[in-house]
Amino acid sequence: MGRLASEIAKRLRGKDKPIYTPYVDTGDFVIVVNAGKVRLTGKKLTDKIYYRHSGYPGGLREIAAGKMLEEKPTEALRLAVKGMLPKNSLGRAMLKKLKIYAGNTHGHAAQCPKTLKLS
């Protein structure tokens, strides 16, 4: 999941283009299919914990990576990519250009997406 997330973050930022500028959103839209097939190695399925807080006292919630991949594999990949983007309004705008689907179908065929093969 990490190598995929770093490649996605690079494409979202536009670092693969010669016109890349750190303070300008020059990246492309990225569509990820088959996110349900993402795997983690080692003991990360039980030891890696995702936290979120509701904002209320005692509102801290935690979920193990294994359970997150079963229930919401798209959210696990989105959080991995989010951590690799800038932590400002530019990073939030880049994250909106990421579309993740657990299966192999998506509704963006009219945009004529190009397939990107990763090694």
PDB file of N, CA and C in Angstrom:
ATOM      1  N   MET A   1       0.819  -1.182   0.000  1.00  0.00           N
ATOM      2  CA  MET A   1       0.000   0.000   0.000  1.00  0.00           C
ATOM      3  C   MET A   1       0.870   1.256   0.000  1.00  0.00           C
ATOM      4  N   GLY A   2       1.998   1.230   0.656  1.00  0.00           N
ATOM      5  CA  GLY A   2       2.834   2.420   0.749  1.00  0.00           C
ATOM      6  C   GLY A   2       3.443   2.835  -0.577  1.00  0.00           C
ATOM      7  N   ARG A   3       3.908   1.873  -1.344  1.00  0.00           N
ATOM      8  CA  ARG A   3       4.503   2.205  -2.640  1.00  0.00           C
ATOM      9  C   ARG A   3       3.456   2.723  -3.602  1.00  0.00           C
ATOM     10  N   LEU A   4       2.267   2.163  -3.544  1.00  0.00           N
ATOM     11  CA  LEU A   4       1.165   2.658  -4.370  1.00  0.00           C
ATOM     12  C   LEU A   4       0.788   4.068  -3.951  1.00  0.00           C
ATOM     13  N   ALA A   5       0.701   4.312  -2.647  1.00  0.00           N
ATOM     14  CA  ALA A   5       0.316   5.629  -2.144  1.00  0.00           C
ATOM     15  C   ALA A   5       1.342   6.700  -2.512  1.00  0.00           C
ATOM     16  N   SER A   6       2.623   6.358  -2.471  1.00  0.00           N
ATOM     17  CA  SER A   6       3.637   7.348  -2.826  1.00  0.00           C
ATOM     18  C   SER A   6       3.589   7.687  -4.312  1.00  0.00           C
ATOM     19  N   GLU A   7       3.296   6.703  -5.146  1.00  0.00           N
ATOM     20  CA  GLU A   7       3.167   6.965  -6.581  1.00  0.00           C
ATOM     21  C   GLU A   7       1.927   7.821  -6.861  1.00  0.00           C
ATOM     22  N   ILE A   8       0.842   7.551  -6.157  1.00  0.00           N
ATOM     23  CA  ILE A   8      -0.370   8.354  -6.327  1.00  0.00           C
ATOM     24  C   ILE A   8      -0.118   9.785  -5.885  1.00  0.00           C
ATOM     25  N   ALA A   9       0.550   9.964  -4.740  1.00  0.00           N
ATOM     26  CA  ALA A   9       0.839  11.312  -4.240  1.00  0.00           C
ATOM     27  C   ALA A   9       1.721  12.084  -5.210  1.00  0.00           C
ATOM     28  N   LYS A  10       2.678  11.390  -5.822  1.00  0.00           N
ATOM     29  CA  LYS A  10       3.550  12.040  -6.805  1.00  0.00           C
ATOM     30  C   LYS A  10       2.749  12.520  -8.001  1.00  0.00           C
ATOM     31  N   ARG A  11       1.796  11.713  -8.466  1.00  0.00           N
ATOM     32  CA  ARG A  11       0.956  12.094  -9.613  1.00  0.00           C
ATOM     33  C   ARG A  11       0.008  13.226  -9.250  1.00  0.00           C
ATOM     34  N   LEU A  12      -0.548  13.199  -8.025  1.00  0.00           N
ATOM     35  CA  LEU A  12      -1.464  14.254  -7.607  1.00  0.00           C
ATOM     36  C   LEU A  12      -0.758  15.600  -7.480  1.00  0.00           C
ATOM     37  N   ARG A  13       0.486  15.589  -7.023  1.00  0.00           N
ATOM     38  CA  ARG A  13       1.247  16.827  -6.878  1.00  0.00           C
ATOM     39  C   ARG A  13       1.769  17.336  -8.210  1.00  0.00           C
ATOM     40  N   GLY A  14       1.944  16.432  -9.191  1.00  0.00           N
ATOM     41  CA  GLY A  14       2.460  16.838 -10.485  1.00  0.00           C
ATOM     42  C   GLY A  14       3.972  16.789 -10.555  1.00  0.00           C
ATOM     43  N   LYS A  15       4.601  16.032  -9.680  1.00  0.00           N
ATOM     44  CA  LYS A  15       6.065  15.977  -9.647  1.00  0.00           C
ATOM     45  C   LYS A  15       6.649  15.228 -10.828  1.00  0.00           C
ATOM     46  N   ASP A  16       5.802  14.548 -11.602  1.00  0.00           N
ATOM     47  CA  ASP A  16       6.283  13.838 -12.778  1.00  0.00           C
ATOM     48  C   ASP A  16       6.277  14.731 -14.017  1.00  0.00           C
ATOM     49  N   LYS A  17       5.902  15.991 -13.873  1.00  0.00           N
ATOM     50  CA  LYS A  17       5.813  16.909 -15.013  1.00  0.00           C
ATOM     51  C   LYS A  17       6.951  17.928 -14.970  1.00  0.00           C
ATOM     52  N   PRO A  18       7.374  18.403 -16.137  1.00  0.00           N
ATOM     53  CA  PRO A  18       8.450  19.406 -16.149  1.00  0.00           C
ATOM     54  C   PRO A  18       7.985  20.777 -15.657  1.00  0.00           C
ATOM     55  N   ILE A  19       6.671  21.012 -15.575  1.00  0.00           N
ATOM     56  CA  ILE A  19       6.182  22.313 -15.124  1.00  0.00           C
ATOM     57  C   ILE A  19       5.879  22.320 -13.623  1.00  0.00           C
ATOM     58  N   TYR A  20       6.374  21.342 -12.885  1.00  0.00           N
ATOM     59  CA  TYR A  20       6.073  21.231 -11.459  1.00  0.00           C
ATOM     60  C   TYR A  20       6.562  22.462 -10.706  1.00  0.00           C
ATOM     61  N   THR A  21       5.685  22.996  -9.881  1.00  0.00           N
ATOM     62  CA  THR A  21       6.004  24.082  -8.965  1.00  0.00           C
ATOM     63  C   THR A  21       5.388  23.708  -7.621  1.00  0.00           C
ATOM     64  N   PRO A  22       6.125  23.808  -6.522  1.00  0.00           N
ATOM     65  CA  PRO A  22       5.611  23.335  -5.235  1.00  0.00           C
ATOM     66  C   PRO A  22       4.344  24.040  -4.761  1.00  0.00           C
ATOM     67  N   TYR A  23       4.154  25.294  -5.123  1.00  0.00           N
ATOM     68  CA  TYR A  23       3.027  26.063  -4.603  1.00  0.00           C
ATOM     69  C   TYR A  23       1.855  26.159  -5.587  1.00  0.00           C
ATOM     70  N   VAL A  24       1.911  25.390  -6.697  1.00  0.00           N
ATOM     71  CA  VAL A  24       0.843  25.386  -7.688  1.00  0.00           C
ATOM     72  C   VAL A  24       0.349  23.956  -7.858  1.00  0.00           C
ATOM     73  N   ASP A  25      -0.961  23.814  -7.993  1.00  0.00           N
ATOM     74  CA  ASP A  25      -1.557  22.490  -8.188  1.00  0.00           C
ATOM     75  C   ASP A  25      -1.465  22.126  -9.669  1.00  0.00           C
ATOM     76  N   THR A  26      -0.405  21.411 -10.041  1.00  0.00           N
ATOM     77  CA  THR A  26      -0.197  21.026 -11.438  1.00  0.00           C
ATOM     78  C   THR A  26      -0.444  19.538 -11.667  1.00  0.00           C
ATOM     79  N   GLY A  27      -0.978  18.866 -10.674  1.00  0.00           N
ATOM     80  CA  GLY A  27      -1.170  17.420 -10.768  1.00  0.00           C
ATOM     81  C   GLY A  27      -2.392  17.031 -11.575  1.00  0.00           C
ATOM     82  N   ASP A  28      -2.534  15.728 -11.773  1.00  0.00           N
ATOM     83  CA  ASP A  28      -3.626  15.169 -12.543  1.00  0.00           C
ATOM     84  C   ASP A  28      -4.642  14.519 -11.606  1.00  0.00           C
ATOM     85  N   PHE A  29      -5.827  14.244 -12.147  1.00  0.00           N
ATOM     86  CA  PHE A  29      -6.798  13.430 -11.446  1.00  0.00           C
ATOM     87  C   PHE A  29      -6.297  11.983 -11.485  1.00  0.00           C
ATOM     88  N   VAL A  30      -6.506  11.262 -10.398  1.00  0.00           N
ATOM     89  CA  VAL A  30      -6.067   9.878 -10.310  1.00  0.00           C
ATOM     90  C   VAL A  30      -7.269   9.014  -9.916  1.00  0.00           C
ATOM     91  N   ILE A  31      -7.497   7.947 -10.700  1.00  0.00           N
ATOM     92  CA  ILE A  31      -8.569   6.995 -10.420  1.00  0.00           C
ATOM     93  C   ILE A  31      -7.913   5.673 -10.038  1.00  0.00           C
ATOM     94  N   VAL A  32      -8.215   5.189  -8.850  1.00  0.00           N
ATOM     95  CA  VAL A  32      -7.653   3.925  -8.375  1.00  0.00           C
ATOM     96  C   VAL A  32      -8.780   2.898  -8.341  1.00  0.00           C
ATOM     97  N   VAL A  33      -8.577   1.780  -9.017  1.00  0.00           N
ATOM     98  CA  VAL A  33      -9.550   0.686  -8.987  1.00  0.00           C
ATOM     99  C   VAL A  33      -8.916  -0.507  -8.272  1.00  0.00           C
ATOM    100  N   ASN A  34      -9.746  -1.422  -7.821  1.00  0.00           N
ATOM    101  CA  ASN A  34      -9.315  -2.622  -7.095  1.00  0.00           C
ATOM    102  C   ASN A  34      -8.559  -2.282  -5.814  1.00  0.00           C
ATOM    103  N   ALA A  35      -9.004  -1.263  -5.098  1.00  0.00           N
ATOM    104  CA  ALA A  35      -8.364  -0.904  -3.831  1.00  0.00           C
ATOM    105  C   ALA A  35      -8.602  -1.982  -2.774  1.00  0.00           C
ATOM    106  N   GLY A  36      -9.581  -2.824  -2.985  1.00  0.00           N
ATOM    107  CA  GLY A  36      -9.836  -3.913  -2.054  1.00  0.00           C
ATOM    108  C   GLY A  36      -8.771  -4.989  -2.071  1.00  0.00           C
ATOM    109  N   LYS A  37      -7.915  -4.986  -3.080  1.00  0.00           N
ATOM    110  CA  LYS A  37      -6.855  -5.989  -3.185  1.00  0.00           C
ATOM    111  C   LYS A  37      -5.533  -5.518  -2.581  1.00  0.00           C
ATOM    112  N   VAL A  38      -5.515  -4.353  -1.959  1.00  0.00           N
ATOM    113  CA  VAL A  38      -4.302  -3.818  -1.349  1.00  0.00           C
ATOM    114  C   VAL A  38      -3.930  -4.683  -0.146  1.00  0.00           C
ATOM    115  N   ARG A  39      -2.657  -4.950   0.026  1.00  0.00           N
ATOM    116  CA  ARG A  39      -2.181  -5.790   1.117  1.00  0.00           C
ATOM    117  C   ARG A  39      -1.134  -5.046   1.947  1.00  0.00           C
ATOM    118  N   LEU A  40      -1.052  -5.444   3.214  1.00  0.00           N
ATOM    119  CA  LEU A  40      -0.024  -4.948   4.119  1.00  0.00           C
ATOM    120  C   LEU A  40       0.863  -6.121   4.521  1.00  0.00           C
ATOM    121  N   THR A  41       2.131  -5.854   4.758  1.00  0.00           N
ATOM    122  CA  THR A  41       3.068  -6.915   5.111  1.00  0.00           C
ATOM    123  C   THR A  41       3.332  -6.908   6.614  1.00  0.00           C
ATOM    124  N   GLY A  42       3.893  -7.970   7.077  1.00  0.00           N
ATOM    125  CA  GLY A  42       4.292  -8.068   8.478  1.00  0.00           C
ATOM    126  C   GLY A  42       3.101  -8.121   9.414  1.00  0.00           C
ATOM    127  N   LYS A  43       3.260  -7.509  10.592  1.00  0.00           N
ATOM    128  CA  LYS A  43       2.208  -7.521  11.600  1.00  0.00           C
ATOM    129  C   LYS A  43       1.368  -6.244  11.571  1.00  0.00           C
ATOM    130  N   LYS A  44       1.408  -5.529  10.435  1.00  0.00           N
ATOM    131  CA  LYS A  44       0.678  -4.270  10.358  1.00  0.00           C
ATOM    132  C   LYS A  44      -0.833  -4.455  10.461  1.00  0.00           C
ATOM    133  N   LEU A  45      -1.350  -5.598  10.047  1.00  0.00           N
ATOM    134  CA  LEU A  45      -2.794  -5.823  10.104  1.00  0.00           C
ATOM    135  C   LEU A  45      -3.329  -5.744  11.531  1.00  0.00           C
ATOM    136  N   THR A  46      -2.513  -6.131  12.505  1.00  0.00           N
ATOM    137  CA  THR A  46      -2.959  -6.087  13.897  1.00  0.00           C
ATOM    138  C   THR A  46      -2.341  -4.938  14.678  1.00  0.00           C
ATOM    139  N   ASP A  47      -1.118  -4.543  14.329  1.00  0.00           N
ATOM    140  CA  ASP A  47      -0.409  -3.539  15.122  1.00  0.00           C
ATOM    141  C   ASP A  47      -0.673  -2.103  14.674  1.00  0.00           C
ATOM    142  N   LYS A  48      -0.972  -1.885  13.406  1.00  0.00           N
ATOM    143  CA  LYS A  48      -1.207  -0.526  12.912  1.00  0.00           C
ATOM    144  C   LYS A  48      -2.624  -0.104  13.294  1.00  0.00           C
ATOM    145  N   ILE A  49      -2.736   1.032  13.958  1.00  0.00           N
ATOM    146  CA  ILE A  49      -4.015   1.521  14.452  1.00  0.00           C
ATOM    147  C   ILE A  49      -4.307   2.877  13.808  1.00  0.00           C
ATOM    148  N   TYR A  50      -5.526   3.037  13.300  1.00  0.00           N
ATOM    149  CA  TYR A  50      -5.998   4.317  12.774  1.00  0.00           C
ATOM    150  C   TYR A  50      -6.859   4.982  13.845  1.00  0.00           C
ATOM    151  N   TYR A  51      -6.592   6.269  14.124  1.00  0.00           N
ATOM    152  CA  TYR A  51      -7.323   7.006  15.134  1.00  0.00           C
ATOM    153  C   TYR A  51      -8.152   8.104  14.483  1.00  0.00           C
ATOM    154  N   ARG A  52      -9.306   8.394  15.096  1.00  0.00           N
ATOM    155  CA  ARG A  52     -10.079   9.567  14.712  1.00  0.00           C
ATOM    156  C   ARG A  52     -10.784  10.062  15.970  1.00  0.00           C
ATOM    157  N   HIS A  53     -11.084  11.338  16.014  1.00  0.00           N
ATOM    158  CA  HIS A  53     -11.687  11.937  17.189  1.00  0.00           C
ATOM    159  C   HIS A  53     -12.912  12.724  16.779  1.00  0.00           C
ATOM    160  N   SER A  54     -13.989  12.587  17.546  1.00  0.00           N
ATOM    161  CA  SER A  54     -15.239  13.258  17.216  1.00  0.00           C
ATOM    162  C   SER A  54     -15.226  14.726  17.620  1.00  0.00           C
ATOM    163  N   GLY A  55     -14.311  15.110  18.494  1.00  0.00           N
ATOM    164  CA  GLY A  55     -14.265  16.476  18.990  1.00  0.00           C
ATOM    165  C   GLY A  55     -14.911  16.622  20.353  1.00  0.00           C
ATOM    166  N   TYR A  56     -15.584  15.582  20.829  1.00  0.00           N
ATOM    167  CA  TYR A  56     -16.203  15.586  22.136  1.00  0.00           C
ATOM    168  C   TYR A  56     -15.303  14.870  23.142  1.00  0.00           C
ATOM    169  N   PRO A  57     -15.446  15.172  24.438  1.00  0.00           N
ATOM    170  CA  PRO A  57     -14.645  14.462  25.434  1.00  0.00           C
ATOM    171  C   PRO A  57     -14.894  12.956  25.367  1.00  0.00           C
ATOM    172  N   GLY A  58     -13.833  12.196  25.344  1.00  0.00           N
ATOM    173  CA  GLY A  58     -13.943  10.745  25.253  1.00  0.00           C
ATOM    174  C   GLY A  58     -14.310  10.255  23.869  1.00  0.00           C
ATOM    175  N   GLY A  59     -14.150  11.098  22.860  1.00  0.00           N
ATOM    176  CA  GLY A  59     -14.583  10.756  21.508  1.00  0.00           C
ATOM    177  C   GLY A  59     -13.495  10.165  20.639  1.00  0.00           C
ATOM    178  N   LEU A  60     -12.434   9.618  21.234  1.00  0.00           N
ATOM    179  CA  LEU A  60     -11.361   9.016  20.455  1.00  0.00           C
ATOM    180  C   LEU A  60     -11.771   7.614  20.024  1.00  0.00           C
ATOM    181  N   ARG A  61     -11.715   7.353  18.743  1.00  0.00           N
ATOM    182  CA  ARG A  61     -12.059   6.043  18.202  1.00  0.00           C
ATOM    183  C   ARG A  61     -10.823   5.463  17.522  1.00  0.00           C
ATOM    184  N   GLU A  62     -10.661   4.169  17.622  1.00  0.00           N
ATOM    185  CA  GLU A  62      -9.526   3.513  16.985  1.00  0.00           C
ATOM    186  C   GLU A  62      -9.993   2.259  16.277  1.00  0.00           C
ATOM    187  N   ILE A  63      -9.290   1.939  15.190  1.00  0.00           N
ATOM    188  CA  ILE A  63      -9.623   0.752  14.412  1.00  0.00           C
ATOM    189  C   ILE A  63      -8.308   0.174  13.879  1.00  0.00           C
ATOM    190  N   ALA A  64      -8.173  -1.138  13.941  1.00  0.00           N
ATOM    191  CA  ALA A  64      -6.958  -1.801  13.458  1.00  0.00           C
ATOM    192  C   ALA A  64      -6.948  -1.792  11.931  1.00  0.00           C
ATOM    193  N   ALA A  65      -5.759  -1.854  11.362  1.00  0.00           N
ATOM    194  CA  ALA A  65      -5.621  -1.795   9.907  1.00  0.00           C
ATOM    195  C   ALA A  65      -6.299  -2.977   9.227  1.00  0.00           C
ATOM    196  N   GLY A  66      -6.268  -4.144   9.822  1.00  0.00           N
ATOM    197  CA  GLY A  66      -6.921  -5.310   9.232  1.00  0.00           C
ATOM    198  C   GLY A  66      -8.419  -5.129   9.117  1.00  0.00           C
ATOM    199  N   LYS A  67      -9.022  -4.592  10.169  1.00  0.00           N
ATOM    200  CA  LYS A  67     -10.464  -4.353  10.146  1.00  0.00           C
ATOM    201  C   LYS A  67     -10.805  -3.223   9.178  1.00  0.00           C
ATOM    202  N   MET A  68      -9.948  -2.211   9.105  1.00  0.00           N
ATOM    203  CA  MET A  68     -10.174  -1.096   8.180  1.00  0.00           C
ATOM    204  C   MET A  68     -10.127  -1.583   6.732  1.00  0.00           C
ATOM    205  N   LEU A  69      -9.181  -2.473   6.418  1.00  0.00           N
ATOM    206  CA  LEU A  69      -9.089  -2.995   5.056  1.00  0.00           C
ATOM    207  C   LEU A  69     -10.290  -3.875   4.706  1.00  0.00           C
ATOM    208  N   GLU A  70     -10.869  -4.547   5.689  1.00  0.00           N
ATOM    209  CA  GLU A  70     -12.063  -5.349   5.429  1.00  0.00           C
ATOM    210  C   GLU A  70     -13.280  -4.464   5.194  1.00  0.00           C
ATOM    211  N   GLU A  71     -13.469  -3.457   6.059  1.00  0.00           N
ATOM    212  CA  GLU A  71     -14.666  -2.635   6.001  1.00  0.00           C
ATOM    213  C   GLU A  71     -14.579  -1.532   4.953  1.00  0.00           C
ATOM    214  N   LYS A  72     -13.478  -0.777   4.978  1.00  0.00           N
ATOM    215  CA  LYS A  72     -13.335   0.374   4.076  1.00  0.00           C
ATOM    216  C   LYS A  72     -11.925   0.424   3.488  1.00  0.00           C
ATOM    217  N   PRO A  73     -11.622  -0.407   2.495  1.00  0.00           N
ATOM    218  CA  PRO A  73     -10.271  -0.379   1.920  1.00  0.00           C
ATOM    219  C   PRO A  73      -9.971   0.941   1.222  1.00  0.00           C
ATOM    220  N   THR A  74     -10.994   1.611   0.731  1.00  0.00           N
ATOM    221  CA  THR A  74     -10.759   2.894   0.065  1.00  0.00           C
ATOM    222  C   THR A  74     -10.296   3.948   1.067  1.00  0.00           C
ATOM    223  N   GLU A  75     -10.816   3.899   2.282  1.00  0.00           N
ATOM    224  CA  GLU A  75     -10.436   4.882   3.299  1.00  0.00           C
ATOM    225  C   GLU A  75      -8.995   4.668   3.758  1.00  0.00           C
ATOM    226  N   ALA A  76      -8.561   3.428   3.867  1.00  0.00           N
ATOM    227  CA  ALA A  76      -7.186   3.152   4.276  1.00  0.00           C
ATOM    228  C   ALA A  76      -6.193   3.698   3.255  1.00  0.00           C
ATOM    229  N   LEU A  77      -6.474   3.509   1.975  1.00  0.00           N
ATOM    230  CA  LEU A  77      -5.583   4.029   0.939  1.00  0.00           C
ATOM    231  C   LEU A  77      -5.637   5.549   0.880  1.00  0.00           C
ATOM    232  N   ARG A  78      -6.828   6.128   1.084  1.00  0.00           N
ATOM    233  CA  ARG A  78      -6.963   7.586   1.063  1.00  0.00           C
ATOM    234  C   ARG A  78      -6.161   8.221   2.192  1.00  0.00           C
ATOM    235  N   LEU A  79      -6.181   7.606   3.375  1.00  0.00           N
ATOM    236  CA  LEU A  79      -5.416   8.139   4.502  1.00  0.00           C
ATOM    237  C   LEU A  79      -3.915   8.025   4.258  1.00  0.00           C
ATOM    238  N   ALA A  80      -3.490   6.957   3.585  1.00  0.00           N
ATOM    239  CA  ALA A  80      -2.067   6.801   3.274  1.00  0.00           C
ATOM    240  C   ALA A  80      -1.605   7.893   2.312  1.00  0.00           C
ATOM    241  N   VAL A  81      -2.429   8.206   1.309  1.00  0.00           N
ATOM    242  CA  VAL A  81      -2.073   9.252   0.350  1.00  0.00           C
ATOM    243  C   VAL A  81      -2.144  10.620   1.011  1.00  0.00           C
ATOM    244  N   LYS A  82      -3.139  10.823   1.864  1.00  0.00           N
ATOM    245  CA  LYS A  82      -3.317  12.114   2.536  1.00  0.00           C
ATOM    246  C   LYS A  82      -2.092  12.478   3.374  1.00  0.00           C
ATOM    247  N   GLY A  83      -1.469  11.478   3.997  1.00  0.00           N
ATOM    248  CA  GLY A  83      -0.286  11.735   4.798  1.00  0.00           C
ATOM    249  C   GLY A  83       0.928  12.138   3.991  1.00  0.00           C
ATOM    250  N   MET A  84       0.899  11.909   2.681  1.00  0.00           N
ATOM    251  CA  MET A  84       2.032  12.241   1.817  1.00  0.00           C
ATOM    252  C   MET A  84       1.840  13.546   1.063  1.00  0.00           C
ATOM    253  N   LEU A  85       0.714  14.211   1.268  1.00  0.00           N
ATOM    254  CA  LEU A  85       0.439  15.476   0.592  1.00  0.00           C
ATOM    255  C   LEU A  85       0.684  16.633   1.556  1.00  0.00           C
ATOM    256  N   PRO A  86       0.807  17.865   1.045  1.00  0.00           N
ATOM    257  CA  PRO A  86       0.994  19.021   1.929  1.00  0.00           C
ATOM    258  C   PRO A  86      -0.174  19.186   2.896  1.00  0.00           C
ATOM    259  N   LYS A  87       0.132  19.656   4.092  1.00  0.00           N
ATOM    260  CA  LYS A  87      -0.894  19.832   5.125  1.00  0.00           C
ATOM    261  C   LYS A  87      -1.430  21.264   5.081  1.00  0.00           C
ATOM    262  N   ASN A  88      -2.036  21.656   3.986  1.00  0.00           N
ATOM    263  CA  ASN A  88      -2.620  22.985   3.843  1.00  0.00           C
ATOM    264  C   ASN A  88      -3.746  22.927   2.822  1.00  0.00           C
ATOM    265  N   SER A  89      -4.254  24.067   2.414  1.00  0.00           N
ATOM    266  CA  SER A  89      -5.381  24.096   1.483  1.00  0.00           C
ATOM    267  C   SER A  89      -5.003  23.506   0.126  1.00  0.00           C
ATOM    268  N   LEU A  90      -3.743  23.612  -0.255  1.00  0.00           N
ATOM    269  CA  LEU A  90      -3.295  23.030  -1.507  1.00  0.00           C
ATOM    270  C   LEU A  90      -3.365  21.500  -1.449  1.00  0.00           C
ATOM    271  N   GLY A  91      -2.968  20.930  -0.321  1.00  0.00           N
ATOM    272  CA  GLY A  91      -3.047  19.482  -0.150  1.00  0.00           C
ATOM    273  C   GLY A  91      -4.484  18.978  -0.144  1.00  0.00           C
ATOM    274  N   ARG A  92      -5.385  19.752   0.457  1.00  0.00           N
ATOM    275  CA  ARG A  92      -6.801  19.362   0.461  1.00  0.00           C
ATOM    276  C   ARG A  92      -7.383  19.413  -0.944  1.00  0.00           C
ATOM    277  N   ALA A  93      -6.962  20.395  -1.741  1.00  0.00           N
ATOM    278  CA  ALA A  93      -7.428  20.479  -3.126  1.00  0.00           C
ATOM    279  C   ALA A  93      -6.888  19.314  -3.952  1.00  0.00           C
ATOM    280  N   MET A  94      -5.656  18.911  -3.685  1.00  0.00           N
ATOM    281  CA  MET A  94      -5.077  17.770  -4.405  1.00  0.00           C
ATOM    282  C   MET A  94      -5.790  16.480  -4.044  1.00  0.00           C
ATOM    283  N   LEU A  95      -6.182  16.325  -2.785  1.00  0.00           N
ATOM    284  CA  LEU A  95      -6.846  15.104  -2.347  1.00  0.00           C
ATOM    285  C   LEU A  95      -8.230  14.964  -2.980  1.00  0.00           C
ATOM    286  N   LYS A  96      -8.853  16.071  -3.335  1.00  0.00           N
ATOM    287  CA  LYS A  96     -10.163  16.010  -3.991  1.00  0.00           C
ATOM    288  C   LYS A  96     -10.059  15.440  -5.397  1.00  0.00           C
ATOM    289  N   LYS A  97      -8.865  15.426  -5.971  1.00  0.00           N
ATOM    290  CA  LYS A  97      -8.664  14.891  -7.317  1.00  0.00           C
ATOM    291  C   LYS A  97      -8.388  13.392  -7.312  1.00  0.00           C
ATOM    292  N   LEU A  98      -8.480  12.774  -6.143  1.00  0.00           N
ATOM    293  CA  LEU A  98      -8.243  11.336  -6.011  1.00  0.00           C
ATOM    294  C   LEU A  98      -9.575  10.613  -5.915  1.00  0.00           C
ATOM    295  N   LYS A  99      -9.806   9.659  -6.801  1.00  0.00           N
ATOM    296  CA  LYS A  99     -11.019   8.846  -6.809  1.00  0.00           C
ATOM    297  C   LYS A  99     -10.612   7.394  -6.592  1.00  0.00           C
ATOM    298  N   ILE A 100     -11.133   6.769  -5.539  1.00  0.00           N
ATOM    299  CA  ILE A 100     -10.743   5.406  -5.185  1.00  0.00           C
ATOM    300  C   ILE A 100     -11.982   4.519  -5.195  1.00  0.00           C
ATOM    301  N   TYR A 101     -11.857   3.336  -5.811  1.00  0.00           N
ATOM    302  CA  TYR A 101     -12.947   2.363  -5.886  1.00  0.00           C
ATOM    303  C   TYR A 101     -12.428   1.002  -5.445  1.00  0.00           C
ATOM    304  N   ALA A 102     -13.222   0.315  -4.624  1.00  0.00           N
ATOM    305  CA  ALA A 102     -12.814  -0.996  -4.115  1.00  0.00           C
ATOM    306  C   ALA A 102     -12.849  -2.055  -5.210  1.00  0.00           C
ATOM    307  N   GLY A 103     -13.796  -1.943  -6.146  1.00  0.00           N
ATOM    308  CA  GLY A 103     -13.904  -2.912  -7.234  1.00  0.00           C
ATOM    309  C   GLY A 103     -13.200  -2.423  -8.487  1.00  0.00           C
ATOM    310  N   ASN A 104     -13.462  -3.111  -9.602  1.00  0.00           N
ATOM    311  CA  ASN A 104     -12.774  -2.737 -10.838  1.00  0.00           C
ATOM    312  C   ASN A 104     -13.630  -1.874 -11.757  1.00  0.00           C
ATOM    313  N   THR A 105     -14.777  -1.392 -11.281  1.00  0.00           N
ATOM    314  CA  THR A 105     -15.610  -0.513 -12.100  1.00  0.00           C
ATOM    315  C   THR A 105     -15.615   0.889 -11.514  1.00  0.00           C
ATOM    316  N   HIS A 106     -15.709   1.861 -12.397  1.00  0.00           N
ATOM    317  CA  HIS A 106     -15.787   3.259 -11.971  1.00  0.00           C
ATOM    318  C   HIS A 106     -16.638   4.015 -12.980  1.00  0.00           C
ATOM    319  N   GLY A 107     -17.101   5.175 -12.597  1.00  0.00           N
ATOM    320  CA  GLY A 107     -17.987   5.952 -13.446  1.00  0.00           C
ATOM    321  C   GLY A 107     -17.299   7.061 -14.201  1.00  0.00           C
ATOM    322  N   HIS A 108     -16.017   6.908 -14.501  1.00  0.00           N
ATOM    323  CA  HIS A 108     -15.258   7.973 -15.152  1.00  0.00           C
ATOM    324  C   HIS A 108     -14.812   7.583 -16.554  1.00  0.00           C
ATOM    325  N   ALA A 109     -15.542   6.700 -17.203  1.00  0.00           N
ATOM    326  CA  ALA A 109     -15.146   6.253 -18.542  1.00  0.00           C
ATOM    327  C   ALA A 109     -15.245   7.377 -19.560  1.00  0.00           C
ATOM    328  N   ALA A 110     -16.155   8.339 -19.350  1.00  0.00           N
ATOM    329  CA  ALA A 110     -16.319   9.443 -20.296  1.00  0.00           C
ATOM    330  C   ALA A 110     -15.112  10.370 -20.316  1.00  0.00           C
ATOM    331  N   GLN A 111     -14.295  10.352 -19.269  1.00  0.00           N
ATOM    332  CA  GLN A 111     -13.101  11.193 -19.215  1.00  0.00           C
ATOM    333  C   GLN A 111     -11.901  10.544 -19.897  1.00  0.00           C
ATOM    334  N   CYS A 112     -12.068   9.351 -20.440  1.00  0.00           N
ATOM    335  CA  CYS A 112     -11.019   8.613 -21.153  1.00  0.00           C
ATOM    336  C   CYS A 112      -9.733   8.494 -20.330  1.00  0.00           C
ATOM    337  N   PRO A 113      -9.796   7.844 -19.164  1.00  0.00           N
ATOM    338  CA  PRO A 113      -8.584   7.733 -18.347  1.00  0.00           C
ATOM    339  C   PRO A 113      -7.561   6.802 -19.001  1.00  0.00           C
ATOM    340  N   LYS A 114      -6.291   7.102 -18.747  1.00  0.00           N
ATOM    341  CA  LYS A 114      -5.206   6.276 -19.246  1.00  0.00           C
ATOM    342  C   LYS A 114      -4.751   5.330 -18.147  1.00  0.00           C
ATOM    343  N   THR A 115      -4.423   4.114 -18.525  1.00  0.00           N
ATOM    344  CA  THR A 115      -3.971   3.119 -17.561  1.00  0.00           C
ATOM    345  C   THR A 115      -2.510   3.350 -17.233  1.00  0.00           C
ATOM    346  N   LEU A 116      -2.210   3.317 -15.952  1.00  0.00           N
ATOM    347  CA  LEU A 116      -0.847   3.483 -15.483  1.00  0.00           C
ATOM    348  C   LEU A 116      -0.405   2.176 -14.852  1.00  0.00           C
ATOM    349  N   LYS A 117       0.580   1.529 -15.395  1.00  0.00           N
ATOM    350  CA  LYS A 117       1.097   0.272 -14.850  1.00  0.00           C
ATOM    351  C   LYS A 117       2.213   0.571 -13.866  1.00  0.00           C
ATOM    352  N   LEU A 118       2.100  -0.006 -12.678  1.00  0.00           N
ATOM    353  CA  LEU A 118       3.131   0.142 -11.670  1.00  0.00           C
ATOM    354  C   LEU A 118       3.861  -1.188 -11.528  1.00  0.00           C
ATOM    355  N   SER A 119       5.155  -1.123 -11.300  1.00  0.00           N
ATOM    356  CA  SER A 119       5.929  -2.355 -11.166  1.00  0.00           C
ATOM    357  C   SER A 119       5.826  -2.928  -9.785  1.00  0.00           C
TER     358      SER A 119
END
